[in-house]
Every structure is written in C-alpha cells, then in structure tokens.
C-alpha atoms as a PDB file:
ATOM      1  CA  MET A   1      32.441  -1.085  34.861  1.00  0.00           C
ATOM      2  CA  GLU A   2      35.627   0.484  36.178  1.00  0.00           C
ATOM      3  CA  ASN A   3      35.733   2.564  39.349  1.00  0.00           C
ATOM      4  CA  TYR A   4      37.582   5.862  39.581  1.00  0.00           C
ATOM      5  CA  VAL A   5      39.495   7.537  42.392  1.00  0.00           C
ATOM      6  CA  GLN A   6      38.707  11.172  43.115  1.00  0.00           C
ATOM      7  CA  LEU A   7      41.713  12.989  44.554  1.00  0.00           C
ATOM      8  CA  SER A   8      40.773  16.274  46.275  1.00  0.00           C
ATOM      9  CA  ILE A   9      43.685  18.641  46.961  1.00  0.00           C
ATOM     10  CA  ASP A  10      43.529  21.854  48.994  1.00  0.00           C
ATOM     11  CA  SER A  11      45.311  24.313  46.693  1.00  0.00           C
ATOM     12  CA  ASP A  12      45.200  27.750  45.091  1.00  0.00           C
ATOM     13  CA  THR A  13      44.868  28.458  41.369  1.00  0.00           C
ATOM     14  CA  TYR A  14      48.621  28.739  40.779  1.00  0.00           C
ATOM     15  CA  GLN A  15      49.319  25.425  42.516  1.00  0.00           C
ATOM     16  CA  GLN A  16      46.470  23.809  40.588  1.00  0.00           C
ATOM     17  CA  GLY A  17      48.143  24.628  37.268  1.00  0.00           C
ATOM     18  CA  ILE A  18      51.305  22.827  38.329  1.00  0.00           C
ATOM     19  CA  LEU A  19      49.341  19.917  39.791  1.00  0.00           C
ATOM     20  CA  ILE A  20      47.276  19.362  36.660  1.00  0.00           C
ATOM     21  CA  ALA A  21      50.427  19.213  34.545  1.00  0.00           C
ATOM     22  CA  LEU A  22      52.008  16.649  36.898  1.00  0.00           C
ATOM     23  CA  LEU A  23      48.894  14.534  37.360  1.00  0.00           C
ATOM     24  CA  ALA A  24      47.913  14.521  33.670  1.00  0.00           C
ATOM     25  CA  GLU A  25      51.301  13.037  32.824  1.00  0.00           C
ATOM     26  CA  ASN A  26      50.725  10.277  35.356  1.00  0.00           C
ATOM     27  CA  GLY A  27      47.370   8.829  34.413  1.00  0.00           C
ATOM     28  CA  PHE A  28      44.829  11.341  35.733  1.00  0.00           C
ATOM     29  CA  GLU A  29      42.100  11.905  33.154  1.00  0.00           C
ATOM     30  CA  GLY A  30      39.741  14.568  34.454  1.00  0.00           C
ATOM     31  CA  PHE A  31      39.956  17.714  36.567  1.00  0.00           C
ATOM     32  CA  GLU A  32      37.610  20.131  38.330  1.00  0.00           C
ATOM     33  CA  GLU A  33      38.936  23.387  39.744  1.00  0.00           C
ATOM     34  CA  ASN A  34      37.716  26.014  42.149  1.00  0.00           C
ATOM     35  CA  GLN A  35      39.499  28.732  44.101  1.00  0.00           C
ATOM     36  CA  LYS A  36      40.392  26.512  47.050  1.00  0.00           C
ATOM     37  CA  GLN A  37      40.472  22.932  45.817  1.00  0.00           C
ATOM     38  CA  LEU A  38      41.382  20.749  42.841  1.00  0.00           C
ATOM     39  CA  HIS A  39      39.554  17.486  42.133  1.00  0.00           C
ATOM     40  CA  ALA A  40      41.469  15.038  39.938  1.00  0.00           C
ATOM     41  CA  PHE A  41      40.142  11.715  38.649  1.00  0.00           C
ATOM     42  CA  ILE A  42      41.949   8.524  37.675  1.00  0.00           C
ATOM     43  CA  PRO A  43      40.919   4.911  37.006  1.00  0.00           C
ATOM     44  CA  GLU A  44      41.284   2.959  40.233  1.00  0.00           C
ATOM     45  CA  ARG A  45      43.717   0.481  38.653  1.00  0.00           C
ATOM     46  CA  LYS A  46      46.078   3.345  37.711  1.00  0.00           C
ATOM     47  CA  PHE A  47      46.035   5.103  41.069  1.00  0.00           C
ATOM     48  CA  ASP A  48      49.484   5.153  42.721  1.00  0.00           C
ATOM     49  CA  ALA A  49      49.126   6.250  46.340  1.00  0.00           C
ATOM     50  CA  ASN A  50      52.897   6.491  46.841  1.00  0.00           C
ATOM     51  CA  PHE A  51      53.287   8.850  43.868  1.00  0.00           C
ATOM     52  CA  VAL A  52      50.469  11.065  45.116  1.00  0.00           C
ATOM     53  CA  TYR A  53      51.862  11.150  48.651  1.00  0.00           C
ATOM     54  CA  LYS A  54      55.328  12.101  47.414  1.00  0.00           C
ATOM     55  CA  ILE A  55      54.369  15.030  45.196  1.00  0.00           C
ATOM     56  CA  LEU A  56      51.778  16.425  47.602  1.00  0.00           C
ATOM     57  CA  SER A  57      53.951  16.070  50.690  1.00  0.00           C
ATOM     58  CA  ASP A  58      56.788  17.810  48.819  1.00  0.00           C
ATOM     59  CA  MET A  59      54.381  20.673  48.043  1.00  0.00           C
ATOM     60  CA  GLN A  60      53.022  20.542  51.613  1.00  0.00           C
ATOM     61  CA  LEU A  61      49.426  20.191  50.423  1.00  0.00           C
ATOM     62  CA  SER A  62      46.671  18.305  52.219  1.00  0.00           C
ATOM     63  CA  TYR A  63      44.401  15.975  50.280  1.00  0.00           C
ATOM     64  CA  SER A  64      41.771  13.255  50.480  1.00  0.00           C
ATOM     65  CA  THR A  65      40.595  10.454  48.214  1.00  0.00           C
ATOM     66  CA  LYS A  66      37.347   8.620  47.568  1.00  0.00           C
ATOM     67  CA  THR A  67      36.218   5.952  45.133  1.00  0.00           C
ATOM     68  CA  ILE A  68      33.528   6.754  42.540  1.00  0.00           C
ATOM     69  CA  GLU A  69      31.695   4.115  40.568  1.00  0.00           C
ATOM     70  CA  GLN A  70      31.789   4.740  36.837  1.00  0.00           C
ATOM     71  CA  LYS A  71      27.997   4.780  36.660  1.00  0.00           C
ATOM     72  CA  ASN A  72      27.983   7.829  38.953  1.00  0.00           C
ATOM     73  CA  TRP A  73      30.499   9.793  36.868  1.00  0.00           C
ATOM     74  CA  ASN A  74      27.941  11.960  35.081  1.00  0.00           C
ATOM     75  CA  GLU A  75      26.279  12.773  38.386  1.00  0.00           C
ATOM     76  CA  GLU A  76      29.597  14.001  39.789  1.00  0.00           C
ATOM     77  CA  TRP A  77      30.177  16.219  36.740  1.00  0.00           C
ATOM     78  CA  GLU A  78      26.649  17.609  36.738  1.00  0.00           C
ATOM     79  CA  LYS A  79      27.062  18.840  40.289  1.00  0.00           C
ATOM     80  CA  ASN A  80      29.887  21.162  39.226  1.00  0.00           C
ATOM     81  CA  PHE A  81      29.541  21.765  35.490  1.00  0.00           C
ATOM     82  CA  GLU A  82      28.400  25.304  34.700  1.00  0.00           C
ATOM     83  CA  PRO A  83      28.092  27.020  31.308  1.00  0.00           C
ATOM     84  CA  ILE A  84      31.038  29.146  30.238  1.00  0.00           C
ATOM     85  CA  MET A  85      31.505  31.963  27.723  1.00  0.00           C
ATOM     86  CA  VAL A  86      34.714  32.865  25.891  1.00  0.00           C
ATOM     87  CA  ASP A  87      33.948  36.533  25.274  1.00  0.00           C
ATOM     88  CA  HIS A  88      30.953  36.669  22.913  1.00  0.00           C
ATOM     89  CA  PHE A  89      32.695  34.290  20.531  1.00  0.00           C
ATOM     90  CA  CYS A  90      31.757  30.925  22.013  1.00  0.00           C
ATOM     91  CA  GLY A  91      29.464  29.582  24.702  1.00  0.00           C
ATOM     92  CA  ILE A  92      29.837  26.056  26.099  1.00  0.00           C
ATOM     93  CA  ARG A  93      27.085  24.286  28.000  1.00  0.00           C
ATOM     94  CA  ALA A  94      25.759  20.835  28.805  1.00  0.00           C
ATOM     95  CA  SER A  95      22.520  19.489  27.330  1.00  0.00           C
ATOM     96  CA  PHE A  96      20.722  20.027  30.648  1.00  0.00           C
ATOM     97  CA  HIS A  97      21.479  23.789  30.615  1.00  0.00           C
ATOM     98  CA  GLN A  98      19.390  26.483  28.981  1.00  0.00           C
ATOM     99  CA  PRO A  99      20.685  27.792  25.610  1.00  0.00           C
ATOM    100  CA  ILE A 100      23.298  30.537  25.851  1.00  0.00           C
ATOM    101  CA  LYS A 101      22.259  33.809  24.260  1.00  0.00           C
ATOM    102  CA  ASN A 102      24.371  36.530  22.651  1.00  0.00           C
ATOM    103  CA  VAL A 103      27.262  34.320  21.501  1.00  0.00           C
ATOM    104  CA  ASP A 104      28.450  33.723  17.948  1.00  0.00           C
ATOM    105  CA  HIS A 105      28.785  29.963  18.464  1.00  0.00           C
ATOM    106  CA  GLU A 106      27.268  27.601  21.011  1.00  0.00           C
ATOM    107  CA  ILE A 107      28.699  24.164  21.769  1.00  0.00           C
ATOM    108  CA  ILE A 108      26.945  21.429  23.752  1.00  0.00           C
ATOM    109  CA  ILE A 109      29.362  19.190  25.658  1.00  0.00           C
ATOM    110  CA  THR A 110      28.252  16.099  27.571  1.00  0.00           C
ATOM    111  CA  PRO A 111      30.225  16.414  30.822  1.00  0.00           C
ATOM    112  CA  LYS A 112      32.025  13.100  30.964  1.00  0.00           C
ATOM    113  CA  MET A 113      35.577  12.067  31.750  1.00  0.00           C
ATOM    114  CA  SER A 114      37.215  13.571  28.677  1.00  0.00           C
ATOM    115  CA  PHE A 115      39.312  16.732  28.963  1.00  0.00           C
ATOM    116  CA  GLY A 116      37.965  19.885  27.348  1.00  0.00           C
ATOM    117  CA  THR A 117      34.920  21.754  28.616  1.00  0.00           C
ATOM    118  CA  GLY A 118      36.277  25.281  28.345  1.00  0.00           C
ATOM    119  CA  HIS A 119      36.706  25.617  32.095  1.00  0.00           C
ATOM    120  CA  HIS A 120      40.394  24.795  32.162  1.00  0.00           C
ATOM    121  CA  PRO A 121      42.611  27.780  31.193  1.00  0.00           C
ATOM    122  CA  THR A 122      44.264  25.890  28.322  1.00  0.00           C
ATOM    123  CA  THR A 123      40.957  25.089  26.594  1.00  0.00           C
ATOM    124  CA  TYR A 124      39.787  28.666  27.153  1.00  0.00           C
ATOM    125  CA  LEU A 125      43.032  29.998  25.648  1.00  0.00           C
ATOM    126  CA  MET A 126      42.750  27.717  22.607  1.00  0.00           C
ATOM    127  CA  ILE A 127      39.178  28.845  21.906  1.00  0.00           C
ATOM    128  CA  GLU A 128      40.136  32.469  22.386  1.00  0.00           C
ATOM    129  CA  ALA A 129      43.045  32.097  19.932  1.00  0.00           C
ATOM    130  CA  MET A 130      40.874  30.282  17.363  1.00  0.00           C
ATOM    131  CA  LYS A 131      38.750  33.419  17.097  1.00  0.00           C
ATOM    132  CA  ASN A 132      41.652  35.142  15.315  1.00  0.00           C
ATOM    133  CA  ILE A 133      42.487  32.328  12.866  1.00  0.00           C
ATOM    134  CA  ASP A 134      40.848  31.914   9.472  1.00  0.00           C
ATOM    135  CA  PHE A 135      39.245  28.444   9.439  1.00  0.00           C
ATOM    136  CA  ASN A 136      37.080  29.019   6.374  1.00  0.00           C
ATOM    137  CA  ASN A 137      37.428  26.082   3.962  1.00  0.00           C
ATOM    138  CA  LYS A 138      40.553  24.863   5.828  1.00  0.00           C
ATOM    139  CA  THR A 139      41.721  21.374   6.806  1.00  0.00           C
ATOM    140  CA  VAL A 140      42.264  20.833  10.535  1.00  0.00           C
ATOM    141  CA  LEU A 141      43.982  18.279  12.766  1.00  0.00           C
ATOM    142  CA  ASP A 142      42.807  18.254  16.384  1.00  0.00           C
ATOM    143  CA  PHE A 143      45.515  16.241  18.138  1.00  0.00           C
ATOM    144  CA  GLY A 144      44.378  15.050  21.566  1.00  0.00           C
ATOM    145  CA  THR A 145      40.735  15.922  20.940  1.00  0.00           C
ATOM    146  CA  GLY A 146      39.346  14.921  24.374  1.00  0.00           C
ATOM    147  CA  THR A 147      35.666  15.919  24.301  1.00  0.00           C
ATOM    148  CA  GLY A 148      35.995  17.023  20.665  1.00  0.00           C
ATOM    149  CA  ILE A 149      35.276  20.626  21.635  1.00  0.00           C
ATOM    150  CA  LEU A 150      37.960  22.216  19.418  1.00  0.00           C
ATOM    151  CA  ALA A 151      37.089  20.020  16.439  1.00  0.00           C
ATOM    152  CA  ILE A 152      33.426  20.980  16.853  1.00  0.00           C
ATOM    153  CA  LEU A 153      34.291  24.670  17.036  1.00  0.00           C
ATOM    154  CA  SER A 154      36.504  24.286  13.944  1.00  0.00           C
ATOM    155  CA  GLU A 155      33.531  23.075  11.930  1.00  0.00           C
ATOM    156  CA  LYS A 156      31.270  25.794  13.284  1.00  0.00           C
ATOM    157  CA  ILE A 157      33.714  28.486  12.136  1.00  0.00           C
ATOM    158  CA  GLY A 158      34.091  27.129   8.635  1.00  0.00           C
ATOM    159  CA  ALA A 159      36.632  24.280   8.417  1.00  0.00           C
ATOM    160  CA  LYS A 160      35.875  21.950   5.509  1.00  0.00           C
ATOM    161  CA  LYS A 161      37.509  18.803   6.932  1.00  0.00           C
ATOM    162  CA  ILE A 162      38.643  17.955  10.466  1.00  0.00           C
ATOM    163  CA  LEU A 163      40.552  14.921  11.704  1.00  0.00           C
ATOM    164  CA  ALA A 164      40.237  14.535  15.486  1.00  0.00           C
ATOM    165  CA  VAL A 165      42.514  11.991  17.174  1.00  0.00           C
ATOM    166  CA  ASP A 166      43.046  10.752  20.718  1.00  0.00           C
ATOM    167  CA  ASN A 167      44.688   7.726  22.337  1.00  0.00           C
ATOM    168  CA  ASP A 168      41.916   7.173  24.911  1.00  0.00           C
ATOM    169  CA  PRO A 169      38.891   5.033  23.915  1.00  0.00           C
ATOM    170  CA  TRP A 170      36.761   6.958  26.420  1.00  0.00           C
ATOM    171  CA  CYS A 171      37.610  10.213  24.613  1.00  0.00           C
ATOM    172  CA  ILE A 172      36.791   8.665  21.243  1.00  0.00           C
ATOM    173  CA  GLU A 173      33.364   7.634  22.503  1.00  0.00           C
ATOM    174  CA  ASN A 174      32.712  10.968  24.201  1.00  0.00           C
ATOM    175  CA  SER A 175      33.884  13.099  21.262  1.00  0.00           C
ATOM    176  CA  ASN A 176      31.656  11.154  18.851  1.00  0.00           C
ATOM    177  CA  GLU A 177      28.681  11.739  21.152  1.00  0.00           C
ATOM    178  CA  ASN A 178      29.411  15.464  21.309  1.00  0.00           C
ATOM    179  CA  ILE A 179      29.959  15.718  17.549  1.00  0.00           C
ATOM    180  CA  THR A 180      26.529  14.163  16.977  1.00  0.00           C
ATOM    181  CA  ALA A 181      24.909  16.405  19.599  1.00  0.00           C
ATOM    182  CA  ASN A 182      26.241  19.471  17.784  1.00  0.00           C
ATOM    183  CA  GLY A 183      25.091  18.306  14.358  1.00  0.00           C
ATOM    184  CA  CYS A 184      28.613  18.225  12.904  1.00  0.00           C
ATOM    185  CA  THR A 185      29.228  16.306   9.674  1.00  0.00           C
ATOM    186  CA  ARG A 186      32.787  17.178   8.643  1.00  0.00           C
ATOM    187  CA  ILE A 187      34.710  15.599  11.536  1.00  0.00           C
ATOM    188  CA  VAL A 188      36.397  12.191  11.441  1.00  0.00           C
ATOM    189  CA  VAL A 189      37.475  10.749  14.814  1.00  0.00           C
ATOM    190  CA  GLU A 190      40.300   8.214  15.070  1.00  0.00           C
ATOM    191  CA  GLU A 191      42.026   6.484  17.972  1.00  0.00           C
ATOM    192  CA  LYS A 192      45.787   7.000  17.620  1.00  0.00           C
ATOM    193  CA  GLU A 193      48.802   7.176  19.938  1.00  0.00           C
ATOM    194  CA  THR A 194      50.846   9.494  17.712  1.00  0.00           C
ATOM    195  CA  VAL A 195      50.404  12.157  15.046  1.00  0.00           C
ATOM    196  CA  PRO A 196      48.807  10.475  12.012  1.00  0.00           C
ATOM    197  CA  ASP A 197      50.915  10.083   8.876  1.00  0.00           C
ATOM    198  CA  ILE A 198      49.114  12.264   6.348  1.00  0.00           C
ATOM    199  CA  GLN A 199      50.836  13.195   3.090  1.00  0.00           C
ATOM    200  CA  GLN A 200      48.850  16.385   2.536  1.00  0.00           C
ATOM    201  CA  GLY A 201      49.545  18.995   5.216  1.00  0.00           C
ATOM    202  CA  PHE A 202      46.869  20.500   7.457  1.00  0.00           C
ATOM    203  CA  ASP A 203      46.106  24.210   7.290  1.00  0.00           C
ATOM    204  CA  VAL A 204      45.533  24.329  11.065  1.00  0.00           C
ATOM    205  CA  ILE A 205      46.774  21.938  13.748  1.00  0.00           C
ATOM    206  CA  LEU A 206      45.376  22.173  17.277  1.00  0.00           C
ATOM    207  CA  ALA A 207      47.251  20.515  20.162  1.00  0.00           C
ATOM    208  CA  ASN A 208      45.859  21.157  23.634  1.00  0.00           C
ATOM    209  CA  ILE A 209      47.678  18.434  25.538  1.00  0.00           C
ATOM    210  CA  ASN A 210      50.708  18.569  27.855  1.00  0.00           C
ATOM    211  CA  ARG A 211      54.309  19.722  27.634  1.00  0.00           C
ATOM    212  CA  ASN A 212      55.944  16.313  27.274  1.00  0.00           C
ATOM    213  CA  THR A 213      53.578  15.101  24.555  1.00  0.00           C
ATOM    214  CA  ILE A 214      53.867  18.380  22.647  1.00  0.00           C
ATOM    215  CA  LEU A 215      57.668  18.217  22.665  1.00  0.00           C
ATOM    216  CA  ASP A 216      57.715  14.495  21.803  1.00  0.00           C
ATOM    217  CA  GLN A 217      55.326  14.995  18.888  1.00  0.00           C
ATOM    218  CA  LEU A 218      56.581  18.402  17.725  1.00  0.00           C
ATOM    219  CA  PRO A 219      58.634  17.134  14.744  1.00  0.00           C
ATOM    220  CA  PHE A 220      55.650  15.102  13.537  1.00  0.00           C
ATOM    221  CA  LEU A 221      53.220  17.967  14.081  1.00  0.00           C
ATOM    222  CA  LYS A 222      55.461  20.229  12.015  1.00  0.00           C
ATOM    223  CA  GLN A 223      55.743  17.562   9.320  1.00  0.00           C
ATOM    224  CA  GLN A 224      51.957  17.452   8.977  1.00  0.00           C
ATOM    225  CA  LEU A 225      51.607  21.252   8.877  1.00  0.00           C
ATOM    226  CA  ALA A 226      51.024  22.904   5.495  1.00  0.00           C
ATOM    227  CA  ALA A 227      53.754  25.338   4.422  1.00  0.00           C
ATOM    228  CA  LYS A 228      51.690  28.367   5.412  1.00  0.00           C
ATOM    229  CA  GLY A 229      49.728  26.585   8.110  1.00  0.00           C
ATOM    230  CA  VAL A 230      49.174  27.493  11.757  1.00  0.00           C
ATOM    231  CA  LEU A 231      50.038  25.298  14.745  1.00  0.00           C
ATOM    232  CA  LEU A 232      48.197  26.240  17.932  1.00  0.00           C
ATOM    233  CA  VAL A 233      49.438  24.604  21.139  1.00  0.00           C
ATOM    234  CA  SER A 234      48.585  24.819  24.821  1.00  0.00           C
ATOM    235  CA  GLY A 235      49.087  22.713  27.922  1.00  0.00           C
ATOM    236  CA  LEU A 236      52.284  24.620  28.683  1.00  0.00           C
ATOM    237  CA  LEU A 237      53.099  26.461  31.891  1.00  0.00           C
ATOM    238  CA  THR A 238      54.746  29.887  31.866  1.00  0.00           C
ATOM    239  CA  GLU A 239      57.948  28.395  33.283  1.00  0.00           C
ATOM    240  CA  ASP A 240      58.119  26.065  30.255  1.00  0.00           C
ATOM    241  CA  LEU A 241      58.351  28.939  27.784  1.00  0.00           C
ATOM    242  CA  ALA A 242      62.120  29.484  27.712  1.00  0.00           C
ATOM    243  CA  ALA A 243      62.874  25.793  27.160  1.00  0.00           C
ATOM    244  CA  VAL A 244      60.131  25.470  24.554  1.00  0.00           C
ATOM    245  CA  GLN A 245      61.372  28.514  22.631  1.00  0.00           C
ATOM    246  CA  ASN A 246      64.823  26.952  22.273  1.00  0.00           C
ATOM    247  CA  ILE A 247      63.321  23.711  20.968  1.00  0.00           C
ATOM    248  CA  LEU A 248      61.119  25.589  18.481  1.00  0.00           C
ATOM    249  CA  LEU A 249      64.257  27.090  16.939  1.00  0.00           C
ATOM    250  CA  ASN A 250      65.515  23.588  16.151  1.00  0.00           C
ATOM    251  CA  TYR A 251      62.372  22.903  14.137  1.00  0.00           C
ATOM    252  CA  ASN A 252      62.260  26.279  12.337  1.00  0.00           C
ATOM    253  CA  LEU A 253      59.024  27.260  14.062  1.00  0.00           C
ATOM    254  CA  ASP A 254      58.275  30.881  14.924  1.00  0.00           C
ATOM    255  CA  ILE A 255      55.951  32.149  17.640  1.00  0.00           C
ATOM    256  CA  ILE A 256      53.416  34.440  15.959  1.00  0.00           C
ATOM    257  CA  SER A 257      51.653  35.265  19.208  1.00  0.00           C
ATOM    258  CA  LYS A 258      51.202  33.994  22.741  1.00  0.00           C
ATOM    259  CA  SER A 259      48.484  34.412  25.332  1.00  0.00           C
ATOM    260  CA  LEU A 260      48.370  33.824  29.069  1.00  0.00           C
ATOM    261  CA  LYS A 261      45.720  32.790  31.583  1.00  0.00           C
ATOM    262  CA  ILE A 262      46.720  32.282  35.205  1.00  0.00           C
ATOM    263  CA  ASN A 263      50.047  30.415  34.719  1.00  0.00           C
ATOM    264  CA  TRP A 264      49.163  28.658  31.447  1.00  0.00           C
ATOM    265  CA  ILE A 265      50.223  29.790  27.980  1.00  0.00           C
ATOM    266  CA  CYS A 266      48.970  29.237  24.442  1.00  0.00           C
ATOM    267  CA  LEU A 267      51.316  29.625  21.454  1.00  0.00           C
ATOM    268  CA  LYS A 268      50.401  30.332  17.853  1.00  0.00           C
ATOM    269  CA  LEU A 269      53.210  28.967  15.653  1.00  0.00           C
ATOM    270  CA  CYS A 270      54.148  28.906  11.986  1.00  0.00           C
ATOM    271  CA  VAL A 271      57.022  27.514   9.938  1.00  0.00           C
ATOM    272  CA  ASN A 272      59.619  30.230   9.353  1.00  0.00           C
ATOM    273  CA  LYS A 273      61.060  31.052   5.921  1.00  0.00           C
ATOM    274  CA  GLU A 274      64.042  28.745   6.337  1.00  0.00           C
ATOM    275  CA  GLY A 275      61.786  25.870   7.297  1.00  0.00           C
ATOM    276  CA  MET A 276      59.434  26.594   4.393  1.00  0.00           C
ATOM    277  CA  ALA A 277      62.376  26.490   1.977  1.00  0.00           C
ATOM    278  CA  LYS A 278      63.472  23.117   3.369  1.00  0.00           C
ATOM    279  CA  LYS A 279      59.924  21.765   3.047  1.00  0.00           C
ATOM    280  CA  ARG A 280      59.649  22.925  -0.583  1.00  0.00           C
ATOM    281  CA  THR A 281      62.996  21.306  -1.403  1.00  0.00           C
ATOM    282  CA  LYS A 282      61.956  18.041   0.237  1.00  0.00           C
ATOM    283  CA  ASN A 283      58.638  17.960  -1.621  1.00  0.00           C
ATOM    284  CA  SER A 284      60.069  19.001  -5.002  1.00  0.00           C
END
C-alpha cells in the first residue's frame, strides 16, 4: 500500500482557490478546506518538497506536512466529511450519515481520495448549473469523473446513457463503488487520458477539472459535443476568464451563462451558429 503526504497550509478561502489550482496541476489528488487552513494530499512518491517550499514561500504562507498510511485514508476523510446540500436540488452524504430530507436527489459518496464531494466550489457550481439543464433521455460525457458524483446525478435527473472517464485508477475504482452504492445502471466508467473518440456527439458534456486540462482538451470536447449540445466546465478561477473567453472564440463556442462561488467560475457553453454550420458541412 502506498503512503500519502498531507500538506496543511494556513490560508484563507481566496488563497485556497489559487492553491488548489496550483497543487492539482502538480500531482495533488485530494483537498479539504476550512476557513483557516487547506489540507492537500499527494502520494508520497510524487511529493516534491522543493516545489512546495517555493510556491508557499512566494505566497508567504506557513505550512506543515505529515505522512498518512493509505489504510488510514478513510479515517482521515471521515473526521472532516459532512453532508452538503445544493439548494433543495441535491444532497450529498457518506454512507455513515443519516439520510438527507427535503431534497430532490440524494447522492451517497464514499469519502475516498477522488475529487468530487460537493464541498469544493467547482463541484457545487457544476451541480447547481445541472439543475437548469434538461438531462431527460440525453447522452452524457463526464470527463474527469473523480468520485463519479456528476455522472450519478446525471442518471438521477434522467440521462439515458453516461460515459464517465478519468485517468486515475483510484478514481475509476472509487467511482464504480459510488455508482453501485447509488443503484445506477446507465453509467459506463472507463480509464482514459484524453477525451474519448466517439463518432456520435454527446448531448451534455461535463468537465470539472482544471484550467490547463480544459484548454488542452477543448478542441476534442467540442468535437464530441452534439450540434445543439451543452458543455459545462469548471475548475477555472475568475482571473482565467478573460483568457478563456478569447480561446472560446477560436473554437466557435459561446458562453450561455456563468456562475461564481468564492473565486471559482462555472461556464455553460454551446456551439455558436458559425460552428454549427461548419460541423454540418463536415458531417455531410
């Protein structure tokens, strides 16, 4: 079994948003946040003390580290994992919590290493945005599924077929466990590094990952989007918006709406008329 390093950083909520973006792009796989401190987790073999020292000294933040055995991972999560509600639309809890009342949909998530429990602003924003999208009888791609939470919610709100992909074997294992725990039957989970090559476009694509991966995979995500489909993305900071908007223009993608939580944003995108015309010509 592999040990993990827990990095604890004294920081406020704004700083934590920036830190999560930086750390997630450099091997950190799990995060816990509170008002005064961020806990970030990384496999011990991937931990780079020099990298951590540089970014945290530049930000003038104090921190500490400790090693956690993999067998104690669930125990660490259970100490801090609390149920969460996204309005009355969706409640997320662990199996050891009491059922959540007065919500339209309840999701049970085993609190393991995978990203996506609803506590992080980006997952919250994605769930909140999904409330206003028609999933009934739609095909869905959940790119970077993590715990599988968005794929599970997609099925609960009517999607007929969901493909959930991730490049981390731990996430594949965890998402399959959560899919089973929620009684889902219309989700297929696959381990992939990039957007899968599917000839028939998806009606809805969900991508709650990070800025670099979104921009790297954007042309492929658009390629796999049905002509009148919706692409929902998060993992972007507010300061990323101007640069992202310029890139979206290159791919004929329009922002239908955007939402904000702390310093994170979620964008609802569609192919504009020019892009739809190009896609029809290509497919004709």
